[in-house]
Protein backbone atom coordinates (compact mmCIF):
# COMPACT_ATOMS: atom_id res chain seq x y z
CA UNK A 1 -2.34 15.22 20.48
CA UNK A 2 -5.40 13.02 20.24
CA UNK A 3 -4.90 9.49 18.93
CA UNK A 4 -7.10 6.63 17.87
CA UNK A 5 -7.05 3.31 19.68
CA UNK A 6 -3.60 1.95 18.99
CA UNK A 7 -2.84 -1.45 17.55
CA UNK A 8 0.21 -3.54 18.34
CA UNK A 9 3.46 -2.61 16.59
CA UNK A 10 4.91 -6.13 16.82
CA UNK A 11 6.42 -7.13 13.51
CA UNK A 12 7.13 -3.66 12.14
CA UNK A 13 10.43 -3.55 10.28
CA UNK A 14 11.36 -0.60 8.15
CA UNK A 15 14.01 -0.06 5.49
CA UNK A 16 17.09 -1.64 7.02
CA UNK A 17 17.43 -0.81 10.62
CA UNK A 18 14.29 -0.58 12.73
CA UNK A 19 13.34 -3.25 15.26
CA UNK A 20 12.06 -6.52 13.82
CA UNK A 21 9.43 -8.94 14.96
CA UNK A 22 10.29 -10.88 18.08
CA UNK A 23 7.59 -13.49 17.65
CA UNK A 24 5.46 -14.87 14.83
CA UNK A 25 2.72 -17.41 14.64
CA UNK A 26 4.05 -20.81 13.61
CA UNK A 27 3.04 -23.05 10.76
CA UNK A 28 -0.01 -25.21 10.78
CA UNK A 29 -0.24 -28.65 9.22
CA UNK A 30 -0.65 -29.15 5.52
CA UNK A 31 1.04 -28.06 2.33
CA UNK A 32 -0.60 -27.12 -0.94
CA UNK A 33 1.29 -27.68 -4.15
CA UNK A 34 1.66 -25.39 -7.16
CA UNK A 35 -0.97 -27.16 -9.22
CA UNK A 36 -3.67 -26.03 -6.79
CA UNK A 37 -2.52 -22.43 -6.47
CA UNK A 38 -2.81 -20.86 -9.92
CA UNK A 39 -1.91 -17.19 -10.00
CA UNK A 40 -4.62 -16.43 -12.58
CA UNK A 41 -7.68 -18.51 -11.63
CA UNK A 42 -9.73 -19.01 -8.50
CA UNK A 43 -11.09 -22.29 -7.18
CA UNK A 44 -12.46 -23.57 -3.87
CA UNK A 45 -9.96 -23.02 -1.09
CA UNK A 46 -7.10 -25.51 -1.22
CA UNK A 47 -5.33 -24.48 1.96
CA UNK A 48 -5.45 -27.05 4.76
CA UNK A 49 -5.86 -25.05 7.93
CA UNK A 50 -4.58 -26.20 11.29
CA UNK A 51 -3.63 -24.85 14.68
CA UNK A 52 -0.94 -22.16 14.81
CA UNK A 53 2.16 -22.94 16.84
CA UNK A 54 4.30 -20.63 18.91
CA UNK A 55 2.01 -17.60 18.88
CA UNK A 56 1.84 -17.21 22.64
CA UNK A 57 -1.03 -15.79 24.67
CA UNK A 58 -1.55 -12.87 22.26
CA UNK A 59 -2.72 -15.26 19.55
CA UNK A 60 -6.49 -15.47 19.16
CA UNK A 61 -7.46 -19.16 19.62
CA UNK A 62 -9.57 -18.90 16.47
CA UNK A 63 -6.56 -18.03 14.30
CA UNK A 64 -5.55 -20.82 11.93
CA UNK A 65 -2.36 -21.43 9.97
CA UNK A 66 -1.40 -23.25 6.79
CA UNK A 67 1.42 -23.39 4.24
CA UNK A 68 1.41 -22.83 0.52
CA UNK A 69 3.99 -23.80 -2.09
CA UNK A 70 5.00 -21.21 -4.69
CA UNK A 71 7.76 -21.16 -7.31
CA UNK A 72 11.04 -19.77 -6.12
CA UNK A 73 11.55 -18.46 -9.67
CA UNK A 74 8.35 -17.50 -11.48
CA UNK A 75 10.22 -17.79 -14.79
CA UNK A 76 10.38 -21.51 -13.95
CA UNK A 77 6.92 -22.14 -12.44
CA UNK A 78 7.42 -25.90 -12.28
CA UNK A 79 10.92 -25.65 -10.85
CA UNK A 80 11.99 -25.45 -7.22
CA UNK A 81 9.21 -24.53 -4.80
CA UNK A 82 9.39 -22.60 -1.54
CA UNK A 83 6.94 -22.43 1.38
CA UNK A 84 4.82 -19.42 2.31
CA UNK A 85 3.25 -19.44 5.77
CA UNK A 86 -0.33 -18.11 5.83
CA UNK A 87 -2.70 -17.35 8.72
CA UNK A 88 -6.43 -16.72 8.92
CA UNK A 89 -8.96 -15.38 11.39
CA UNK A 90 -12.38 -16.24 9.91
CA UNK A 91 -15.18 -13.72 9.50
CA UNK A 92 -17.18 -13.30 12.71
CA UNK A 93 -20.48 -13.35 10.77
CA UNK A 94 -20.48 -15.75 7.81
CA UNK A 95 -23.79 -14.32 6.59
CA UNK A 96 -22.14 -10.89 6.19
CA UNK A 97 -18.84 -12.18 4.78
CA UNK A 98 -17.64 -10.39 1.66
CA UNK A 99 -14.26 -12.06 1.18
CA UNK A 100 -10.68 -11.94 2.47
CA UNK A 101 -8.70 -8.95 3.72
CA UNK A 102 -4.99 -9.47 3.16
CA UNK A 103 -2.77 -7.75 5.74
CA UNK A 104 0.39 -6.66 3.90
CA UNK A 105 3.25 -5.88 6.33
CA UNK A 106 5.82 -3.13 6.18
CA UNK A 107 9.53 -3.60 5.81
CA UNK A 108 10.92 -4.99 3.67
CA UNK A 109 11.46 -7.60 6.34
CA UNK A 110 8.12 -7.45 8.13
CA UNK A 111 5.60 -10.23 8.66
CA UNK A 112 1.84 -10.14 9.20
CA UNK A 113 1.49 -13.76 10.32
CA UNK A 114 0.29 -12.74 13.79
CA UNK A 115 -1.63 -9.69 12.65
CA UNK A 116 -5.09 -11.26 12.21
CA UNK A 117 -5.21 -11.70 15.98
CA UNK A 118 -3.81 -8.20 16.58
CA UNK A 119 -6.00 -6.35 14.10
CA UNK A 120 -9.17 -8.09 15.28
CA UNK A 121 -8.76 -6.25 18.58
CA UNK A 122 -9.10 -2.83 16.94
CA UNK A 123 -10.97 -3.26 13.65
CA UNK A 124 -14.67 -2.32 13.88
CA UNK A 125 -17.22 -5.12 14.02
CA UNK A 126 -18.56 -4.53 10.51
CA UNK A 127 -15.07 -5.05 9.07
CA UNK A 128 -14.46 -8.18 11.14
CA UNK A 129 -17.81 -9.50 9.92
CA UNK A 130 -17.09 -8.72 6.27
CA UNK A 131 -13.71 -10.42 5.96
CA UNK A 132 -11.51 -13.30 6.86
CA UNK A 133 -8.34 -11.57 8.07
CA UNK A 134 -5.33 -13.06 6.26
CA UNK A 135 -1.70 -12.77 7.35
CA UNK A 136 1.46 -14.19 5.83
CA UNK A 137 5.21 -14.33 6.19
CA UNK A 138 6.72 -13.03 2.92
CA UNK A 139 9.15 -15.18 0.99
CA UNK A 140 12.41 -15.49 2.85
CA UNK A 141 10.83 -14.65 6.23
CA UNK A 142 10.62 -17.43 8.81
CA UNK A 143 8.57 -19.55 9.21
CA UNK A 144 8.21 -19.38 5.42
CA UNK A 145 11.28 -20.74 3.63
CA UNK A 146 13.84 -18.51 5.29
CA UNK A 147 17.01 -16.80 4.15
CA UNK A 148 19.99 -15.32 5.98
CA UNK A 149 23.12 -13.44 4.99
CA UNK A 150 24.85 -14.54 8.23
CA UNK A 151 26.30 -11.07 8.70
CA UNK A 152 28.82 -10.29 11.39
CA UNK A 153 26.93 -9.21 14.51
CA UNK A 154 28.41 -5.73 14.30
CA UNK A 155 26.87 -5.29 10.85
CA UNK A 156 23.39 -5.74 12.29
CA UNK A 157 23.61 -2.33 13.98
CA UNK A 158 21.08 0.12 12.57
CA UNK A 159 23.87 2.63 11.97
CA UNK A 160 25.57 0.12 9.68
CA UNK A 161 22.43 -0.93 7.84
CA UNK A 162 21.44 2.66 7.24
CA UNK A 163 24.29 4.54 5.54
CA UNK A 164 25.19 7.15 8.15
CA UNK A 165 28.35 8.78 6.82
CA UNK A 166 31.49 9.59 8.80
CA UNK A 167 31.53 12.83 10.83
CA UNK A 168 33.28 14.59 7.95
CA UNK A 169 30.69 13.35 5.44
CA UNK A 170 32.88 10.68 3.88
CA UNK A 171 31.08 7.62 2.45
CA UNK A 172 34.16 5.41 2.13
CA UNK A 173 33.19 3.51 5.29
CA UNK A 174 29.67 3.01 3.94
CA UNK A 175 31.10 1.57 0.73
CA UNK A 176 33.29 -0.84 2.70
CA UNK A 177 30.21 -1.91 4.68
CA UNK A 178 28.26 -2.39 1.45
CA UNK A 179 30.91 -4.65 -0.05
CA UNK A 180 31.25 -6.75 3.09
CA UNK A 181 27.48 -7.19 3.56
CA UNK A 182 26.77 -7.93 -0.08
CA UNK A 183 29.53 -10.53 -0.22
CA UNK A 184 28.08 -12.21 2.87
CA UNK A 185 24.61 -12.30 1.28
CA UNK A 186 25.98 -13.75 -1.95
CA UNK A 187 27.98 -16.33 0.01
CA UNK A 188 25.31 -17.37 2.51
CA UNK A 189 21.95 -16.42 0.97
CA UNK A 190 21.73 -19.32 -1.45
CA UNK A 191 19.62 -19.20 -4.59
CA UNK A 192 16.64 -17.75 -2.74
CA UNK A 193 18.33 -14.41 -2.01
CA UNK A 194 18.28 -13.69 -5.76
CA UNK A 195 14.51 -14.22 -6.00
CA UNK A 196 13.33 -11.99 -3.17
CA UNK A 197 11.71 -8.91 -4.70
CA UNK A 198 8.56 -6.83 -4.49
CA UNK A 199 7.24 -8.21 -7.79
CA UNK A 200 7.70 -11.78 -6.57
CA UNK A 201 5.98 -10.96 -3.27
CA UNK A 202 3.04 -9.64 -5.29
CA UNK A 203 2.98 -12.85 -7.32
CA UNK A 204 3.03 -14.84 -4.08
CA UNK A 205 0.02 -12.83 -2.90
CA UNK A 206 -1.89 -13.81 -6.00
CA UNK A 207 -1.09 -17.45 -5.28
CA UNK A 208 -2.52 -16.89 -1.80
CA UNK A 209 -5.63 -15.30 -3.30
CA UNK A 210 -6.17 -18.26 -5.59
CA UNK A 211 -5.52 -20.79 -2.84
CA UNK A 212 -8.16 -19.03 -0.73
CA UNK A 213 -10.64 -19.51 -3.57
CA UNK A 214 -11.18 -15.77 -4.05
CA UNK A 215 -11.80 -14.17 -7.44
CA UNK A 216 -10.75 -10.82 -5.97
CA UNK A 217 -9.07 -9.88 -2.74
CA UNK A 218 -9.08 -6.84 -0.47
CA UNK A 219 -5.97 -5.62 1.34
CA UNK A 220 -4.61 -3.30 4.00
CA UNK A 221 -0.97 -2.51 3.27
CA UNK A 222 1.14 -0.41 5.64
CA UNK A 223 4.41 1.41 4.85
CA UNK A 224 6.41 -0.81 2.45
CA UNK A 225 3.18 -2.81 2.20
CA UNK A 226 1.70 0.12 0.27
CA UNK A 227 4.25 -0.40 -2.47
CA UNK A 228 3.58 -4.15 -2.47
CA UNK A 229 -0.15 -3.42 -2.73
CA UNK A 230 0.37 -0.96 -5.58
CA UNK A 231 2.60 -3.44 -7.44
CA UNK A 232 -0.02 -6.16 -6.93
CA UNK A 233 -2.65 -3.84 -8.40
CA UNK A 234 -0.39 -3.21 -11.38
CA UNK A 235 0.40 -6.87 -12.06
CA UNK A 236 -3.11 -8.15 -11.28
CA UNK A 237 -5.35 -5.13 -11.90
CA UNK A 238 -8.61 -7.09 -12.07
CA UNK A 239 -7.99 -9.02 -8.85
CA UNK A 240 -8.24 -6.01 -6.51
CA UNK A 241 -11.40 -5.47 -4.49
CA UNK A 242 -10.93 -2.84 -1.75
CA UNK A 243 -7.31 -1.82 -1.20
CA UNK A 244 -6.28 0.44 1.68
CA UNK A 245 -2.74 1.81 1.41
CA UNK A 246 -1.62 3.30 4.71
CA UNK A 247 1.57 5.43 5.12
CA UNK A 248 2.59 5.44 1.51
CA UNK A 249 5.90 4.91 -0.25
CA UNK A 250 7.12 6.92 -3.21
CA UNK A 251 6.84 4.49 -6.18
CA UNK A 252 9.57 6.15 -8.30
CA UNK A 253 10.54 3.29 -10.66
CA UNK A 254 13.99 4.71 -11.30
CA UNK A 255 15.01 4.70 -7.63
CA UNK A 256 12.58 2.52 -5.60
CA UNK A 257 14.40 1.89 -2.28
CA UNK A 258 16.71 4.87 -2.79
CA UNK A 259 13.63 7.10 -2.93
CA UNK A 260 12.33 5.61 0.32
CA UNK A 261 15.64 6.26 2.05
CA UNK A 262 15.77 9.80 0.66
CA UNK A 263 12.31 10.40 2.11
CA UNK A 264 13.80 10.58 5.60
CA UNK A 265 15.17 14.03 4.77
CA UNK A 266 11.73 15.58 4.48
CA UNK A 267 10.15 13.15 6.94
CA UNK A 268 12.44 14.33 9.74
CA UNK A 269 11.89 17.99 8.87
CA UNK A 270 8.13 17.40 8.96
CA UNK A 271 8.11 15.62 12.32
CA UNK A 272 11.01 16.98 14.39
CA UNK A 273 9.10 20.21 15.16
CA UNK A 274 6.43 18.10 16.88
CA UNK A 275 9.08 16.51 19.08
CA UNK A 276 10.63 19.92 19.72
CA UNK A 277 7.28 21.27 20.88
CA UNK A 278 6.89 18.32 23.23
CA UNK A 279 10.44 18.63 24.55
CA UNK A 280 10.06 22.37 25.24
CA UNK A 281 6.62 22.32 26.86
CA UNK A 282 6.59 23.45 30.50
CA UNK A 283 5.81 20.53 32.76
CA UNK A 284 7.25 17.89 30.41
CA UNK A 285 9.16 15.50 32.71
CA UNK A 286 12.17 15.41 30.40
CA UNK A 287 12.04 18.92 29.06
CA UNK A 288 15.08 19.59 26.86
CA UNK A 289 14.87 23.37 26.37
CA UNK A 290 12.59 26.36 26.81
CA UNK A 291 11.71 26.83 23.12
CA UNK A 292 11.32 24.47 20.12
CA UNK A 293 14.16 26.17 18.20
CA UNK A 294 16.41 25.59 21.17
CA UNK A 295 15.61 21.85 21.15
CA UNK A 296 16.85 21.64 17.57
CA UNK A 297 20.03 23.54 18.43
CA UNK A 298 20.68 21.32 21.46
CA UNK A 299 20.25 18.17 19.36
CA UNK A 300 22.58 19.32 16.57
CA UNK A 301 25.27 20.46 19.00
CA UNK A 302 25.04 17.25 21.01
CA UNK A 303 25.31 15.07 17.88
CA UNK A 304 28.41 17.01 16.79
CA UNK A 305 29.93 16.65 20.26
CA UNK A 306 29.31 12.89 20.24
CA UNK A 307 30.90 12.68 16.78
CA UNK A 308 34.08 14.01 18.39
CA UNK A 309 33.84 12.21 21.72
CA UNK A 310 31.52 9.18 21.84
CA UNK A 311 30.27 7.91 25.19
CA UNK A 312 30.66 4.23 26.13
CA UNK A 313 27.47 2.18 26.09
CA UNK A 314 28.29 -1.37 27.26
CA UNK A 315 26.04 -4.07 25.87
CA UNK A 316 24.85 -2.02 22.92
CA UNK A 317 25.65 -2.66 19.25
CA UNK A 318 27.92 -0.75 18.75
CA UNK A 319 29.00 -0.32 22.40
CA UNK A 320 29.13 3.49 22.14
CA UNK A 321 26.78 6.43 21.80
CA UNK A 322 28.25 8.54 19.03
CA UNK A 323 26.64 11.20 16.86
CA UNK A 324 25.17 8.73 14.40
CA UNK A 325 23.76 6.55 17.17
CA UNK A 326 22.01 9.64 18.53
CA UNK A 327 20.69 10.51 15.06
CA UNK A 328 19.46 6.95 14.58
CA UNK A 329 17.71 7.11 17.98
CA UNK A 330 16.10 10.33 16.78
CA UNK A 331 14.75 8.59 13.68
CA UNK A 332 13.36 5.73 15.74
CA UNK A 333 11.80 8.10 18.27
CA UNK A 334 10.04 10.13 15.58
CA UNK A 335 8.13 7.13 14.21
CA UNK A 336 5.57 7.48 16.98
CA UNK A 337 4.82 10.30 19.45
CA UNK A 338 4.93 7.65 22.15
CA UNK A 339 8.68 7.55 21.50
CA UNK A 340 9.25 11.21 22.37
CA UNK A 341 9.87 10.69 26.12
CA UNK A 342 12.63 8.13 25.56
CA UNK A 343 14.31 10.38 22.98
CA UNK A 344 14.19 13.36 25.35
CA UNK A 345 15.60 11.24 28.17
CA UNK A 346 18.48 10.10 25.96
CA UNK A 347 19.31 13.67 24.93
CA UNK A 348 19.30 14.93 28.51
CA UNK A 349 21.39 12.03 29.79
CA UNK A 350 23.98 12.37 27.01
CA UNK A 351 24.31 16.10 27.68
CA UNK A 352 25.40 15.14 31.21
CA UNK A 353 27.83 12.52 29.92
CA UNK A 354 25.54 9.67 30.95
CA UNK A 355 24.01 7.00 28.74
CA UNK A 356 20.93 4.95 29.66
CA UNK A 357 20.96 1.24 28.80
CA UNK A 358 20.23 0.43 25.17
CA UNK A 359 16.74 -0.93 24.44
CA UNK A 360 16.70 -4.74 24.23
CA UNK A 361 17.33 -6.06 20.74
CA UNK A 362 15.40 -8.87 19.07
CA UNK A 363 17.17 -12.26 18.95
CA UNK A 364 20.07 -12.26 16.53
CA UNK A 365 18.50 -14.99 14.38
CA UNK A 366 15.46 -12.75 13.85
CA UNK A 367 17.64 -9.76 12.98
CA UNK A 368 19.66 -11.86 10.53
CA UNK A 369 16.49 -13.04 8.80
CA UNK A 370 14.87 -9.60 8.67
CA UNK A 371 18.04 -7.99 7.37
CA UNK A 372 18.56 -10.56 4.63
CA UNK A 373 15.01 -10.14 3.35
CA UNK A 374 15.32 -6.35 3.46
CA UNK A 375 18.65 -6.31 1.62
CA UNK A 376 17.51 -8.86 -0.95
CA UNK A 377 14.27 -7.03 -1.71
CA UNK A 378 15.73 -3.54 -2.00
CA UNK A 379 18.77 -4.63 -4.01
CA UNK A 380 16.85 -6.90 -6.38
CA UNK A 381 14.14 -4.34 -7.12
CA UNK A 382 16.45 -1.85 -8.88
CA UNK A 383 20.16 -1.40 -9.60
CA UNK A 384 22.02 1.12 -7.41
CA UNK A 385 25.01 3.30 -8.34
CA UNK A 386 28.20 1.43 -7.62
CA UNK A 387 30.97 3.92 -6.72
CA UNK A 388 31.58 6.30 -3.86
CA UNK A 389 31.71 9.20 -6.33
CA UNK A 390 28.08 8.51 -7.23
CA UNK A 391 27.06 9.33 -3.65
CA UNK A 392 29.58 11.84 -2.31
CA UNK A 393 28.10 15.01 -3.81
CA UNK A 394 24.54 14.00 -2.93
CA UNK A 395 25.57 13.34 0.67
CA UNK A 396 27.38 16.69 0.82
CA UNK A 397 24.31 18.52 -0.49
CA UNK A 398 21.99 16.65 1.84
CA UNK A 399 24.12 17.46 4.89
CA UNK A 400 23.90 21.16 4.03
CA UNK A 401 20.15 21.21 3.38
CA UNK A 402 19.01 18.71 6.02
CA UNK A 403 21.47 18.78 8.93
CA UNK A 404 19.32 16.63 11.23
CA UNK A 405 19.87 13.58 9.00
CA UNK A 406 23.54 14.38 8.27
CA UNK A 407 23.52 13.03 4.69
CA UNK A 408 22.37 9.50 5.54
CA UNK A 409 19.32 9.49 3.23
CA UNK A 410 21.59 9.94 0.19
CA UNK A 411 24.27 7.46 1.23
CA UNK A 412 25.21 4.05 -0.22
CA UNK A 413 23.33 1.07 1.22
CA UNK A 414 24.45 -2.53 0.80
CA UNK A 415 22.93 -2.41 -2.69
CA UNK A 416 25.81 -0.21 -3.88
CA UNK A 417 27.90 -3.40 -4.03
CA UNK A 418 25.16 -5.93 -4.86
CA UNK A 419 26.71 -8.55 -7.15
CA UNK A 420 23.49 -9.50 -8.96
CA UNK A 421 21.69 -7.55 -11.67
CA UNK A 422 17.90 -7.22 -11.22
CA UNK A 423 16.08 -10.02 -12.99
CA UNK A 424 13.38 -7.66 -14.28
CA UNK A 425 12.73 -3.91 -14.49
CA UNK A 426 10.96 -2.22 -11.59
CA UNK A 427 7.18 -2.17 -11.85
CA UNK A 428 5.91 1.21 -13.01
CA UNK A 429 2.70 2.11 -11.18
CA UNK A 430 0.01 3.53 -13.47
CA UNK A 431 -3.66 4.46 -13.66
CA UNK A 432 -4.94 1.50 -15.70
CA UNK A 433 -7.18 -0.96 -13.88
CA UNK A 434 -10.01 -0.99 -11.36
CA UNK A 435 -10.58 2.12 -9.26
CA UNK A 436 -10.20 0.27 -5.98
CA UNK A 437 -7.59 2.13 -3.88
CA UNK A 438 -7.99 4.34 -0.83
CA UNK A 439 -4.76 5.95 0.40
CA UNK A 440 -4.59 7.21 3.98
CA UNK A 441 -1.63 9.36 4.98
CA UNK A 442 -0.59 11.37 8.02
CA UNK A 443 0.68 14.85 7.26
CA UNK A 444 3.76 14.34 9.43
CA UNK A 445 5.37 10.93 8.99
CA UNK A 446 9.12 10.46 9.42
CA UNK A 447 9.44 7.30 7.31
CA UNK A 448 6.86 7.79 4.55
CA UNK A 449 6.43 11.55 4.24
CA UNK A 450 3.42 13.19 2.64
CA UNK A 451 5.57 14.34 -0.28
CA UNK A 452 6.24 10.70 -1.26
CA UNK A 453 2.63 9.66 -0.69
CA UNK A 454 1.54 12.30 -3.17
CA UNK A 455 3.78 10.65 -5.77
CA UNK A 456 1.91 7.37 -5.32
CA UNK A 457 -1.43 9.16 -5.43
CA UNK A 458 -0.38 10.83 -8.69
CA UNK A 459 0.80 7.56 -10.22
CA UNK A 460 -2.46 5.75 -9.44
CA UNK A 461 -4.52 8.57 -10.93
CA UNK A 462 -8.23 7.78 -11.31
CA UNK A 463 -7.76 4.44 -9.53
CA UNK A 464 -7.35 6.09 -6.13
CA UNK A 465 -8.62 8.62 -3.62
CA UNK A 466 -6.33 9.92 -0.86
CA UNK A 467 -7.27 10.87 2.70
CA UNK A 468 -4.68 13.20 4.25
CA UNK A 469 -4.83 13.19 8.04
CA UNK A 470 -3.76 16.11 10.21
CA UNK A 471 -1.72 13.95 12.56
CA UNK A 472 1.83 12.90 13.37
CA UNK A 473 3.46 9.46 13.30
CA UNK A 474 4.02 6.47 11.09
CA UNK A 475 0.94 4.28 10.47
CA UNK A 476 -2.34 6.19 10.24
CA UNK A 477 -5.39 3.89 10.28
CA UNK A 478 -6.28 2.84 13.84
CA UNK A 479 -2.85 3.95 15.06
CA UNK A 480 -1.44 7.48 14.81
CA UNK A 481 -4.25 8.97 12.72
CA UNK A 482 -7.50 10.60 13.81
CA UNK A 483 -11.19 9.74 14.08
CA UNK A 484 -12.08 11.24 10.70
CA UNK A 485 -9.44 9.21 8.86
CA UNK A 486 -10.28 6.02 10.75
CA UNK A 487 -14.01 6.37 10.00
CA UNK A 488 -13.33 7.00 6.31
CA UNK A 489 -11.19 3.88 5.97
CA UNK A 490 -13.55 1.69 8.00
CA UNK A 491 -16.52 2.79 5.89
CA UNK A 492 -14.64 1.96 2.69
CA UNK A 493 -13.69 -1.51 3.91
CA UNK A 494 -17.17 -2.28 5.20
CA UNK A 495 -19.29 -0.75 2.41
CA UNK A 496 -17.01 0.18 -0.48
CA UNK A 497 -17.94 3.87 -0.20
CA UNK A 498 -15.04 6.25 -0.75
CA UNK A 499 -14.98 10.04 -0.70
CA UNK A 500 -15.82 11.40 -4.13
CA UNK A 501 -12.56 13.36 -4.17
CA UNK A 502 -9.39 13.56 -2.09
CA UNK A 503 -10.19 14.42 1.50
CA UNK A 504 -8.40 16.35 4.25
CA UNK A 505 -9.16 15.14 7.79
CA UNK A 506 -8.55 17.89 10.32
């Protein structure tokens, strides 16, 4: 499988349970107040840029940082303010500068504060000349004003955060987890936890736009960032310049985060065959079986065996390898073809009754912060069903139709017990506004499957063109895509030229 030059994955966090950032660029000096950051007008830049702290050797020395004050509650714009950390890597050719390119991270619970330095290593020269690259830490994410639920360490396990049901399909344990986690967030999250949402992140982005002095802003949103970008374009339709949405979320306004979780059903079915081909290819160092169908059978039988008899895994969270831990490792491994060897190694070791050491986890403080932002965003965006009966039949049906994911995509997350009603209805994405979107989407993506991306394409209507890339993995542009898709996106960012109609990149 041929890939484009890959960019760093630091900072990727995805729908309650994938690894979080282990380092972010720190705050610079200076703070701009709400009076100089109108969400509806532009003025000369009011951000006071300074040196970034704590970025380490990966940080480009040209990257600058600043802070911006925004309302915690946009219904009370002159009430309590919170800080948003912002970063910038200036255009490399001021004479060719078009404006600012906002890097919208995935998640919820991701940050793009260090991404200007990372993306500058892979973006083509004409894009680096055309834009200041702008990163930020979304509300609630350190070093912006941060939030935590202070969960028990055991509840930070991916198999707790994602609702993997019991071996018999019961969701009672998931409901107990949901109540415990939601109560911790309500107890420890303060007032801010109630004001973390996609719509408020979009409003924060417009404050950033205004503070930068830009009438319009361009953006590159990845994964959950595609939904943020689409919501921004809905709330501020005349402020969008060139928007790239990469690895696209289903924008279903009735389900929002539930639709993203459900997408794993099809996403796994789309991508597991690629892993199975790898793991059955002669000469593969960790070959699992002789044929792709056999790899699937081996995986399902091993997961069932581990459901019955977990293997100890000291130092891991939880300290066992059971069926759901194997399934979660499968999800993680399918995000990127580079993860296939580790997944094959784990399968082969577990078949022999051996378990390799667990991958190192980010610091607990980082996990606590990421998890709180993820829970707050998903639960505040839309109300979830609140009883086990609301999920049991869906989980049963999912287990029958999609055995690899064992019902998890239809299970109850923490939001099933969220004690707060959403403060506003979900944003419905529509086709009114500037035609300024280019969607890029891999055909085989475990987390944001093509089927969901087509829903966003349909919702945006005449405002968008979609490039479908014949490739496998999460994140397409300059990552797991192909040369055709990369060139199409780069040309759009640099010149504004899009394909006249939807395009398929072989």
